[in-house]
Every structure is written in structure tokens, then in C-alpha cells.
Protein backbone atom coordinates (compact mmCIF):
# COMPACT_ATOMS: atom_id res chain seq x y z
CA UNK A 1 189.71 63.10 -55.63
CA UNK A 2 192.77 64.11 -57.67
CA UNK A 3 190.75 66.65 -59.66
CA UNK A 4 189.39 68.14 -56.45
CA UNK A 5 192.93 68.46 -55.10
CA UNK A 6 194.06 70.11 -58.35
CA UNK A 7 191.20 72.60 -58.13
CA UNK A 8 192.05 73.39 -54.51
CA UNK A 9 195.78 73.85 -55.12
CA UNK A 10 195.14 75.90 -58.27
CA UNK A 11 192.74 78.20 -56.47
CA UNK A 12 195.26 78.59 -53.64
CA UNK A 13 198.05 79.46 -56.09
CA UNK A 14 195.92 81.97 -57.99
CA UNK A 15 194.60 83.53 -54.79
CA UNK A 16 198.05 83.83 -53.24
CA UNK A 17 199.43 85.30 -56.44
CA UNK A 18 196.61 87.85 -56.66
CA UNK A 19 196.96 88.93 -53.03
CA UNK A 20 200.77 89.09 -53.18
CA UNK A 21 200.77 91.01 -56.46
CA UNK A 22 202.65 88.28 -58.37
CA UNK A 23 202.35 88.48 -62.16
CA UNK A 24 199.28 86.30 -62.70
CA UNK A 25 200.88 84.34 -65.56
CA UNK A 26 203.09 82.48 -63.07
CA UNK A 27 200.30 80.99 -60.92
CA UNK A 28 198.31 80.33 -64.11
CA UNK A 29 201.14 78.22 -65.52
CA UNK A 30 201.45 76.42 -62.17
CA UNK A 31 197.72 75.70 -62.13
CA UNK A 32 197.87 74.42 -65.71
CA UNK A 33 200.79 72.15 -64.80
CA UNK A 34 198.75 70.68 -61.92
CA UNK A 35 195.83 69.84 -64.19
CA UNK A 36 198.09 68.50 -66.94
CA UNK A 37 199.70 66.21 -64.36
CA UNK A 38 196.32 64.91 -63.20
CA UNK A 39 195.08 64.39 -66.76
CA UNK A 40 198.32 62.62 -67.74
CA UNK A 41 197.81 60.19 -64.86
CA UNK A 42 194.28 59.62 -66.17
CA UNK A 43 195.59 58.50 -69.55
CA UNK A 44 195.89 61.62 -71.70
CA UNK A 45 199.23 61.93 -73.45
CA UNK A 46 201.28 65.09 -72.94
CA UNK A 47 201.31 65.61 -76.70
CA UNK A 48 197.50 65.45 -76.86
CA UNK A 49 197.18 67.89 -73.96
CA UNK A 50 199.64 70.28 -75.61
CA UNK A 51 197.60 70.11 -78.82
CA UNK A 52 194.41 70.89 -76.87
CA UNK A 53 196.09 73.89 -75.24
CA UNK A 54 197.37 75.08 -78.62
CA UNK A 55 193.92 74.84 -80.18
CA UNK A 56 192.43 76.72 -77.24
CA UNK A 57 195.02 79.49 -77.46
CA UNK A 58 194.05 80.13 -81.10
CA UNK A 59 190.99 81.95 -79.76
CA UNK A 60 193.31 84.65 -78.45
CA UNK A 61 194.98 85.42 -81.77
CA UNK A 62 192.35 87.90 -83.09
CA UNK A 63 192.72 89.88 -79.87
CA UNK A 64 196.52 89.99 -79.50
CA UNK A 65 197.21 92.47 -82.31
CA UNK A 66 194.57 94.85 -81.00
CA UNK A 67 195.94 94.58 -77.46
CA UNK A 68 199.39 95.63 -78.66
CA UNK A 69 197.84 98.56 -80.52
CA UNK A 70 196.02 99.62 -77.35
CA UNK A 71 199.39 99.98 -75.62
CA UNK A 72 200.64 102.23 -78.40
CA UNK A 73 197.46 104.33 -78.39
CA UNK A 74 197.60 104.90 -74.62
CA UNK A 75 201.25 105.96 -74.66
CA UNK A 76 200.72 108.27 -77.65
CA UNK A 77 197.74 109.95 -75.94
CA UNK A 78 199.93 110.61 -72.91
CA UNK A 79 202.70 112.13 -75.02
CA UNK A 80 200.25 114.23 -77.05
CA UNK A 81 198.74 115.70 -73.86
CA UNK A 82 195.32 114.16 -74.55
CA UNK A 83 195.02 112.37 -71.19
CA UNK A 84 196.52 115.28 -69.18
CA UNK A 85 194.06 117.69 -70.87
CA UNK A 86 191.08 115.50 -69.98
CA UNK A 87 192.26 115.32 -66.36
CA UNK A 88 192.92 119.07 -66.25
CA UNK A 89 189.47 120.01 -67.54
CA UNK A 90 187.84 117.52 -65.19
CA UNK A 91 189.60 119.03 -62.18
CA UNK A 92 188.19 122.45 -63.02
CA UNK A 93 184.68 121.37 -61.99
CA UNK A 94 185.60 119.51 -58.79
CA UNK A 95 184.02 120.84 -55.59
CA UNK A 96 183.23 119.05 -52.31
CA UNK A 97 179.58 118.75 -53.41
CA UNK A 98 180.41 117.44 -56.89
CA UNK A 99 183.49 115.33 -56.23
CA UNK A 100 181.84 111.88 -56.19
CA UNK A 101 179.83 112.55 -59.34
CA UNK A 102 182.81 114.06 -61.17
CA UNK A 103 184.98 111.08 -60.16
CA UNK A 104 182.48 108.65 -61.68
CA UNK A 105 181.87 110.77 -64.79
CA UNK A 106 185.52 111.53 -65.49
CA UNK A 107 186.71 107.94 -65.08
CA UNK A 108 183.77 106.69 -67.17
CA UNK A 109 184.72 109.06 -70.00
CA UNK A 110 188.41 108.20 -69.75
CA UNK A 111 187.81 104.44 -69.70
CA UNK A 112 185.50 104.67 -72.72
CA UNK A 113 188.28 106.45 -74.60
CA UNK A 114 191.20 104.30 -73.41
CA UNK A 115 189.37 100.99 -72.97
CA UNK A 116 191.45 100.09 -69.92
CA UNK A 117 190.29 100.00 -66.33
CA UNK A 118 193.79 99.73 -64.87
CA UNK A 119 195.10 102.58 -67.04
CA UNK A 120 192.17 104.80 -66.03
CA UNK A 121 192.61 104.06 -62.34
CA UNK A 122 196.36 104.56 -62.54
CA UNK A 123 196.05 108.02 -64.11
CA UNK A 124 192.80 109.84 -63.41
CA UNK A 125 192.01 107.68 -60.37
CA UNK A 126 195.31 108.39 -58.64
CA UNK A 127 194.96 112.10 -59.41
CA UNK A 128 191.49 112.22 -57.86
CA UNK A 129 192.51 110.28 -54.74
CA UNK A 130 195.31 112.78 -54.13
CA UNK A 131 192.66 115.48 -53.72
CA UNK A 132 190.87 113.79 -50.79
CA UNK A 133 191.81 115.44 -47.50
CA UNK A 134 192.92 113.37 -44.53
CA UNK A 135 191.19 113.31 -41.16
CA UNK A 136 189.14 111.04 -38.93
CA UNK A 137 186.54 110.31 -41.62
CA UNK A 138 189.03 110.02 -44.49
CA UNK A 139 188.61 106.23 -44.63
CA UNK A 140 184.93 106.56 -45.53
CA UNK A 141 185.55 109.24 -48.15
CA UNK A 142 188.48 107.36 -49.69
CA UNK A 143 186.35 104.20 -50.00
CA UNK A 144 183.49 106.25 -51.46
CA UNK A 145 185.67 107.94 -54.08
CA UNK A 146 187.50 104.69 -54.87
CA UNK A 147 184.15 102.96 -55.46
CA UNK A 148 183.07 105.70 -57.87
CA UNK A 149 186.45 105.58 -59.65
CA UNK A 150 186.52 101.80 -60.08
CA UNK A 151 182.87 101.70 -61.19
CA UNK A 152 183.61 104.38 -63.78
CA UNK A 153 186.72 102.56 -64.93
CA UNK A 154 184.63 99.49 -65.78
CA UNK A 155 182.08 101.49 -67.77
CA UNK A 156 184.68 101.60 -70.53
CA UNK A 157 186.26 98.25 -69.74
CA UNK A 158 182.86 96.80 -70.59
CA UNK A 159 181.80 98.95 -73.53
CA UNK A 160 184.78 100.59 -75.24
CA UNK A 161 185.89 99.46 -78.71
CA UNK A 162 189.45 99.44 -77.29
CA UNK A 163 188.60 97.26 -74.29
CA UNK A 164 190.45 93.93 -74.14
CA UNK A 165 187.48 92.22 -72.47
CA UNK A 166 185.01 93.53 -75.06
CA UNK A 167 187.33 92.47 -77.88
CA UNK A 168 187.82 89.03 -76.33
CA UNK A 169 184.08 88.47 -75.94
CA UNK A 170 183.44 89.57 -79.53
CA UNK A 171 186.14 87.15 -80.73
CA UNK A 172 185.01 84.06 -78.79
CA UNK A 173 181.30 84.61 -79.56
CA UNK A 174 182.03 85.61 -83.19
CA UNK A 175 180.02 88.81 -82.95
CA UNK A 176 180.66 92.37 -84.14
CA UNK A 177 182.08 94.57 -81.39
CA UNK A 178 180.18 97.68 -82.55
CA UNK A 179 176.87 95.80 -82.52
CA UNK A 180 177.74 94.53 -79.04
CA UNK A 181 178.47 98.07 -77.85
CA UNK A 182 175.14 99.30 -79.21
CA UNK A 183 173.30 96.58 -77.28
CA UNK A 184 175.34 97.27 -74.16
CA UNK A 185 174.45 100.94 -74.36
CA UNK A 186 170.76 100.14 -74.36
CA UNK A 187 170.93 97.70 -71.46
CA UNK A 188 173.02 100.05 -69.33
CA UNK A 189 170.74 103.09 -69.50
CA UNK A 190 168.74 102.32 -66.35
CA UNK A 191 171.65 101.04 -64.22
CA UNK A 192 173.78 103.98 -65.31
CA UNK A 193 171.01 106.46 -64.56
CA UNK A 194 170.45 104.99 -61.10
CA UNK A 195 174.19 104.97 -60.38
CA UNK A 196 174.36 108.66 -61.32
CA UNK A 197 171.40 109.36 -59.04
CA UNK A 198 173.10 107.55 -56.15
CA UNK A 199 176.36 109.44 -56.65
CA UNK A 200 174.41 112.69 -56.90
CA UNK A 201 172.89 111.87 -53.50
CA UNK A 202 176.31 111.19 -52.00
CA UNK A 203 177.61 114.42 -53.53
CA UNK A 204 174.72 116.36 -52.00
CA UNK A 205 174.68 114.84 -48.51
CA UNK A 206 178.29 113.67 -48.05
CA UNK A 207 180.54 116.43 -49.43
CA UNK A 208 184.12 115.25 -49.73
CA UNK A 209 186.75 117.34 -47.91
CA UNK A 210 189.40 118.41 -50.42
CA UNK A 211 193.10 118.65 -49.74
CA UNK A 212 195.17 121.53 -51.07
CA UNK A 213 196.46 120.37 -54.45
CA UNK A 214 198.65 121.85 -57.16
CA UNK A 215 197.76 119.10 -59.62
CA UNK A 216 196.03 121.35 -62.16
CA UNK A 217 198.90 123.83 -62.08
CA UNK A 218 201.45 121.03 -62.43
CA UNK A 219 199.64 119.67 -65.49
CA UNK A 220 199.53 123.12 -67.08
CA UNK A 221 203.24 123.59 -66.40
CA UNK A 222 204.27 120.21 -67.83
CA UNK A 223 202.08 120.12 -70.97
CA UNK A 224 200.61 122.51 -73.53
CA UNK A 225 196.91 122.03 -72.76
CA UNK A 226 194.18 123.07 -75.15
CA UNK A 227 191.23 121.56 -77.06
CA UNK A 228 193.68 120.80 -79.87
CA UNK A 229 195.24 118.02 -77.79
CA UNK A 230 191.87 116.23 -77.71
CA UNK A 231 192.10 115.52 -81.46
CA UNK A 232 193.33 111.90 -81.05
CA UNK A 233 190.28 111.12 -78.92
CA UNK A 234 188.04 112.88 -81.42
CA UNK A 235 189.49 110.86 -84.30
CA UNK A 236 188.92 107.63 -82.37
CA UNK A 237 185.32 108.52 -81.53
CA UNK A 238 184.48 109.68 -85.06
CA UNK A 239 185.87 106.55 -86.71
CA UNK A 240 184.12 104.33 -84.14
CA UNK A 241 180.81 106.03 -84.94
CA UNK A 242 181.45 105.35 -88.62
CA UNK A 243 182.12 101.70 -87.72
CA UNK A 244 185.64 101.75 -89.10
CA UNK A 245 187.50 98.57 -88.01
CA UNK A 246 189.00 99.06 -84.57
CA UNK A 247 192.58 98.47 -85.71
CA UNK A 248 192.37 101.18 -88.38
CA UNK A 249 190.76 103.63 -85.95
CA UNK A 250 193.57 103.01 -83.46
CA UNK A 251 196.28 103.51 -86.07
CA UNK A 252 194.69 106.80 -87.21
CA UNK A 253 194.35 108.03 -83.63
CA UNK A 254 197.94 107.07 -82.81
CA UNK A 255 199.25 108.84 -85.92
CA UNK A 256 197.36 112.00 -84.91
CA UNK A 257 198.75 111.77 -81.38
CA UNK A 258 202.32 111.30 -82.63
CA UNK A 259 202.02 114.42 -84.77
CA UNK A 260 200.74 116.42 -81.79
CA UNK A 261 203.42 115.06 -79.46
CA UNK A 262 206.15 116.20 -81.87
CA UNK A 263 204.67 119.48 -83.13
CA UNK A 264 202.73 120.66 -80.05
CA UNK A 265 204.37 119.05 -77.02
CA UNK A 266 207.87 119.30 -78.59
CA UNK A 267 209.01 115.74 -78.00
CA UNK A 268 211.41 114.32 -80.55
CA UNK A 269 210.14 111.62 -82.88
CA UNK A 270 212.64 109.20 -81.34
CA UNK A 271 211.27 109.88 -77.85
CA UNK A 272 207.70 109.33 -78.97
CA UNK A 273 208.53 106.04 -80.70
CA UNK A 274 210.29 104.88 -77.54
CA UNK A 275 207.18 105.78 -75.50
CA UNK A 276 205.06 103.70 -77.88
CA UNK A 277 207.24 100.68 -77.18
CA UNK A 278 208.07 100.99 -73.48
CA UNK A 279 205.35 103.31 -72.15
CA UNK A 280 205.17 107.04 -71.43
CA UNK A 281 207.00 108.50 -68.43
CA UNK A 282 208.15 111.86 -67.21
CA UNK A 283 211.48 112.77 -65.64
CA UNK A 284 212.14 111.87 -62.01
CA UNK A 285 212.07 115.56 -61.05
CA UNK A 286 208.47 116.05 -62.27
CA UNK A 287 205.72 116.14 -59.60
CA UNK A 288 203.56 114.16 -62.06
CA UNK A 289 205.95 111.21 -62.39
CA UNK A 290 203.70 108.83 -60.47
CA UNK A 291 200.48 109.95 -62.20
CA UNK A 292 201.03 110.61 -65.90
CA UNK A 293 202.61 107.40 -67.12
CA UNK A 294 201.81 104.08 -68.71
CA UNK A 295 200.81 102.46 -71.94
CA UNK A 296 203.32 101.00 -74.36
CA UNK A 297 203.44 97.82 -76.40
CA UNK A 298 205.67 96.12 -73.81
CA UNK A 299 203.01 96.44 -71.10
CA UNK A 300 200.40 94.85 -73.35
CA UNK A 301 202.70 91.91 -74.11
CA UNK A 302 202.16 90.86 -70.48
CA UNK A 303 198.40 91.18 -70.88
CA UNK A 304 198.54 89.22 -74.13
CA UNK A 305 200.51 86.46 -72.41
CA UNK A 306 197.82 86.11 -69.73
CA UNK A 307 195.13 85.89 -72.43
CA UNK A 308 197.05 83.20 -74.35
CA UNK A 309 197.66 81.10 -71.22
CA UNK A 310 194.04 81.49 -70.13
CA UNK A 311 192.64 80.40 -73.49
CA UNK A 312 195.01 77.40 -73.55
CA UNK A 313 193.91 76.49 -70.01
CA UNK A 314 190.23 76.64 -70.91
CA UNK A 315 190.89 74.73 -74.14
CA UNK A 316 192.26 71.81 -72.10
CA UNK A 317 189.24 72.01 -69.79
CA UNK A 318 186.90 71.87 -72.77
CA UNK A 319 188.44 69.01 -74.75
CA UNK A 320 189.03 66.75 -71.74
CA UNK A 321 185.46 67.33 -70.53
CA UNK A 322 186.88 68.07 -67.10
CA UNK A 323 183.73 69.94 -66.13
CA UNK A 324 181.24 67.52 -67.66
CA UNK A 325 179.23 67.35 -64.43
CA UNK A 326 178.67 71.12 -64.58
CA UNK A 327 177.78 70.85 -68.28
CA UNK A 328 175.24 68.12 -67.51
CA UNK A 329 173.59 70.25 -64.82
CA UNK A 330 173.29 73.11 -67.31
CA UNK A 331 171.18 70.89 -69.57
CA UNK A 332 168.24 71.81 -67.34
CA UNK A 333 168.46 75.41 -68.55
CA UNK A 334 165.52 75.93 -70.91
CA UNK A 335 164.36 79.56 -70.88
CA UNK A 336 165.97 83.00 -71.27
CA UNK A 337 165.41 83.51 -67.56
CA UNK A 338 167.28 80.32 -66.75
CA UNK A 339 170.10 81.40 -69.06
CA UNK A 340 170.80 84.73 -67.38
CA UNK A 341 170.61 83.19 -63.90
CA UNK A 342 172.99 80.42 -64.99
CA UNK A 343 175.37 82.93 -66.60
CA UNK A 344 175.40 85.05 -63.45
CA UNK A 345 176.06 82.07 -61.19
CA UNK A 346 178.70 80.43 -63.39
CA UNK A 347 180.34 83.80 -64.07
CA UNK A 348 180.55 84.61 -60.36
CA UNK A 349 182.03 81.21 -59.49
CA UNK A 350 184.47 81.44 -62.41
CA UNK A 351 185.56 84.91 -61.32
CA UNK A 352 186.04 83.64 -57.76
CA UNK A 353 188.01 80.55 -58.84
CA UNK A 354 190.03 81.99 -61.73
CA UNK A 355 190.97 85.23 -59.91
CA UNK A 356 191.11 86.98 -63.30
CA UNK A 357 188.46 88.49 -65.51
CA UNK A 358 189.89 86.68 -68.55
CA UNK A 359 189.54 83.20 -67.03
CA UNK A 360 186.04 84.05 -65.86
CA UNK A 361 184.97 85.17 -69.35
CA UNK A 362 186.47 82.16 -71.12
CA UNK A 363 185.23 79.58 -68.64
CA UNK A 364 181.70 81.00 -68.59
CA UNK A 365 181.55 81.12 -72.39
CA UNK A 366 182.86 77.57 -72.64
CA UNK A 367 180.26 76.21 -70.21
CA UNK A 368 177.26 78.27 -71.35
CA UNK A 369 177.93 78.42 -75.09
CA UNK A 370 176.25 75.05 -75.81
CA UNK A 371 173.29 76.05 -73.64
CA UNK A 372 172.69 79.25 -75.60
CA UNK A 373 172.97 77.31 -78.86
CA UNK A 374 170.59 74.58 -77.66
CA UNK A 375 167.97 77.14 -76.55
CA UNK A 376 168.25 78.93 -79.94
CA UNK A 377 169.70 82.14 -78.54
CA UNK A 378 171.82 84.11 -81.02
CA UNK A 379 175.56 84.60 -80.30
CA UNK A 380 174.83 88.27 -79.57
CA UNK A 381 172.70 87.19 -76.58
CA UNK A 382 175.62 85.30 -75.05
CA UNK A 383 177.98 88.22 -75.71
CA UNK A 384 175.58 90.66 -74.05
CA UNK A 385 174.96 88.45 -71.03
CA UNK A 386 178.71 87.96 -70.53
CA UNK A 387 179.22 91.74 -70.60
CA UNK A 388 176.34 92.32 -68.18
CA UNK A 389 177.50 89.71 -65.66
CA UNK A 390 181.02 88.31 -65.54
CA UNK A 391 182.80 91.47 -66.79
CA UNK A 392 181.36 93.67 -64.02
CA UNK A 393 181.10 91.00 -61.32
CA UNK A 394 184.82 90.16 -61.47
CA UNK A 395 185.91 93.47 -59.85
CA UNK A 396 183.51 92.77 -56.97
CA UNK A 397 185.39 89.60 -55.98
CA UNK A 398 187.93 90.94 -53.43
CA UNK A 399 190.74 88.58 -54.53
CA UNK A 400 190.10 88.84 -58.29
CA UNK A 401 192.79 91.04 -59.83
CA UNK A 402 190.07 92.98 -61.70
CA UNK A 403 189.22 94.66 -58.38
CA UNK A 404 192.30 93.91 -56.30
CA UNK A 405 194.75 95.74 -58.57
CA UNK A 406 192.71 98.98 -58.84
CA UNK A 407 192.09 98.94 -55.07
CA UNK A 408 195.81 98.51 -54.46
CA UNK A 409 196.68 101.33 -56.87
CA UNK A 410 194.27 103.64 -55.04
CA UNK A 411 195.49 102.58 -51.60
CA UNK A 412 192.17 101.20 -50.34
CA UNK A 413 190.87 97.76 -49.41
CA UNK A 414 187.65 95.93 -50.28
CA UNK A 415 185.71 98.75 -48.59
CA UNK A 416 185.21 100.31 -52.04
CA UNK A 417 182.84 97.51 -53.12
CA UNK A 418 179.57 98.89 -51.61
CA UNK A 419 180.20 102.18 -53.41
CA UNK A 420 180.94 100.70 -56.85
CA UNK A 421 177.21 101.02 -57.58
CA UNK A 422 177.22 100.54 -61.34
CA UNK A 423 179.02 97.20 -61.10
CA UNK A 424 176.26 95.46 -59.17
CA UNK A 425 173.31 97.45 -60.51
CA UNK A 426 173.97 96.15 -64.02
CA UNK A 427 173.64 92.41 -63.24
CA UNK A 428 170.80 93.09 -60.79
CA UNK A 429 168.82 94.91 -63.49
CA UNK A 430 169.54 92.03 -65.88
CA UNK A 431 168.13 89.52 -63.41
CA UNK A 432 165.05 91.67 -62.72
CA UNK A 433 164.43 92.36 -66.41
CA UNK A 434 164.59 88.68 -67.26
CA UNK A 435 161.00 88.28 -66.09
CA UNK A 436 160.00 90.18 -69.21
CA UNK A 437 161.69 87.75 -71.58
CA UNK A 438 159.00 85.65 -73.14
CA UNK A 439 160.62 83.56 -75.88
CA UNK A 440 163.83 81.55 -76.22
CA UNK A 441 165.40 83.89 -78.75
CA UNK A 442 164.40 87.09 -77.02
CA UNK A 443 166.98 89.02 -75.06
CA UNK A 444 167.27 92.49 -73.66
CA UNK A 445 169.79 93.24 -76.39
CA UNK A 446 167.34 92.75 -79.26
CA UNK A 447 164.11 94.07 -77.80
CA UNK A 448 162.58 97.06 -79.58
CA UNK A 449 164.00 100.42 -78.44
CA UNK A 450 160.83 101.30 -76.61
CA UNK A 451 161.43 98.51 -74.10
CA UNK A 452 164.66 100.02 -72.80
């Protein structure tokens, strides 16, 4: 009874915090306090519970340093003109009959480079939404474009070497992120192709009315734009292809961006270093103030805090066997088909309860990890199934901040969900493909190339 009450109150706190836009760390701490109180009444000492939380939070340590680097990379790319140049070139090909497809393609490319869904939505996404004309049907078009933007933003959130979710999954499953990305690329070919076909159909039969916009001109006036400013992205891509450790690739890309920001965009070195710490921003008199901004180590400290609290929370869940009834029910999972169905179900429920993508990932891995081990599936299978389910399902839960925050940034409601095609095509294809899995160790990620 007391555990049920703790679950109910925790869900209420997380849901209220997500809807009200409260920093999610606060309701997470409140939820943890509720469970600690219940477990203390059941006989666990506070010291033992603190130790469990500490051990759980250790899982976050390999990710924290990379998260802080991501903040520096994003800010440096802004200052170097890399992000503005990508947006500028993308806007050159926007027409009413191509808008939906360009929105998906441009945000996919940007998220793969930056590794952040929120950062992509807050820059390219906002810029694209500004170009949608008003009118009686504007609600439909805004939901359509927002769906394409958010779906594209999670292409990279799932499969970029700079993605916090991809790094977290690689850390907790003890797999190599580049191997995971290779497998993700193979499993996403059909869903991605179908999503492109759907957006092409929308572009052909539902042309988006465009508002008059000076965005391209404003970008050209504020920054020196040329292919040269794309060098930081090129360095990152080249080193990733050569499988250089992510941290080194980020440092090299940031160094290149700093040099461009000073020599090409004419910022002082002091300004650039400040941007790396606090995030990039333009002056209040710039028309791009609300669009070209973000990044910074300080912003990623908040993200890191959420990851640490989440891992501590799940660590307490694991060591106190709080979910032992769920674990017992998962003992009936025997086949690869059962595994993917179980991962999808548990991931969806975790995303609905935890209200954050991080909690959903950690809780699903904690519950399903023993099942994958017992059925002789390699760690890479669990990593792939987490990427193909919980990572992309979380944004489809209206109150999960993975979808709620981007929708709020874009000024839309849950109406974007039907148009975020890629996000539900990926798990659907995984569930359909599972019929072709014939042995316990066989997964879509390690089938021969001809099967994909």
C-alpha cells in the first residue's frame, strides 16, 4: 500500500513538474525522498539507502565529462558560424512544396552533428516555425512542421556520437558507441526511408504557406557565412568515421571552432571562452537573439545533475528489489521476440512514469538487463533495442519532457505526435521484424547486411 502511494505521489510530482516547466531535478529529488521514506519505514537504514544511491550514480560518471564537452562544442559552433551557416544553406531550398521534407532533413542533419534534440529544436526548429504563415489552417501546418522537426531532432538524439542518450546507453550496457551507431544505422534504413516518403507526400499534397521572412538576410548580416565555417562539423565527422574517441573528437572540433570564431567571426578570445562556459548569445538588439543561442558548460551541468539523480534513483530501486514483481514476470521472456515486446512495453511504461527519457532508459535497462543475459543475448542487443524503443517512444508521451519541452519551444501542443513519423515507425518496424529472429542470440543489429 505504501509503495503504491509513493508511486502515485511520485508520478504526480513528476507530471506536474513536467507540465509546469519546473526543472525536473526538483520533482526527482522529491520522488526519491518519498521512496527513501517508505524504504526506511520498511527497515532499510538511511546510510544503506545513501550507499545504494551512490553506487547507482557511479554509472553516470563516464557520461558526465562528455556532457560538459557537448555544451562547449555547441557554443563554439554557434560562435564560429557553423550552426548559422547550416541554417542559412537549408533555408535556400525551402519552398511550400519542399518545406516539410526540408524541415525533417535539416533537423536530422543538425541533430546528428550536435547530438541534442533540444538544441536542434531551439535553433533550427524555431527558425523554421517562424516561416509558417498564419491563417485559418495554420494550426494543421504548424503541427505538421513541428512533427517533422521533432522527429528529425531525435534522429541525432538516438544516433549521434555526441548524444547524451546514446552515450548513456553505451555506458550502462558497456558497449562501444561507434558499434552501436553502426547497428542503429542499419536498423533505421527502412523506417527512415518510409518517413521520408511520407514527408514527401505531405510536401506534394499539402504545401505549407510561407510567411515573409528576413531570416536568411539577418543571418548573413550577423555572421560571415561560407563553407569555411563548416570546418568544425567536418572535423567532428571525419574523426568519428576514423573511430577516434568521442572526447578527443569534441576537443579537436571545439579548437577548430574557437579559431574560426576569433579569426573569421572576429570575436575576442575572452568572449569565446565566456560563451563556452555560459552559452552563446547575441546582443539584445539583434533580430536573431531568440534563435541563435545556447550551449555552454553551465547548461550541461543541469543535464548532468538530472542524470546523476536518475541513476541514484534507479540504483535504489535495483538494490532494494522494489520492482521484484515486475522482474519475476519478466522471467517468462524466453525468445528474441519476447525480448523486444517486453522492452517496448517496459520502456513505454517507464517513459510514462518517469516523465524523462533518462529515467526511462535506466529503468528499462535495469529491469531487462538480466533477461537479456539469461537468454544469451549480447550487450549490443540490449543497447540496440533500447535505442529503437525507449529513446524514440519517450517524445511520444505527451507529458514526458522529451516531447513536452520541444513542443513548448515550438509553440504547439501534442498535436505534433501523429506527424512525428520516424519516432513511431522505428519501434513498429522492430516489432514487425522480430518475427524473423530465429535464435536467442540473433538480433536485427547483428544480422548479415543483406537482411537490412
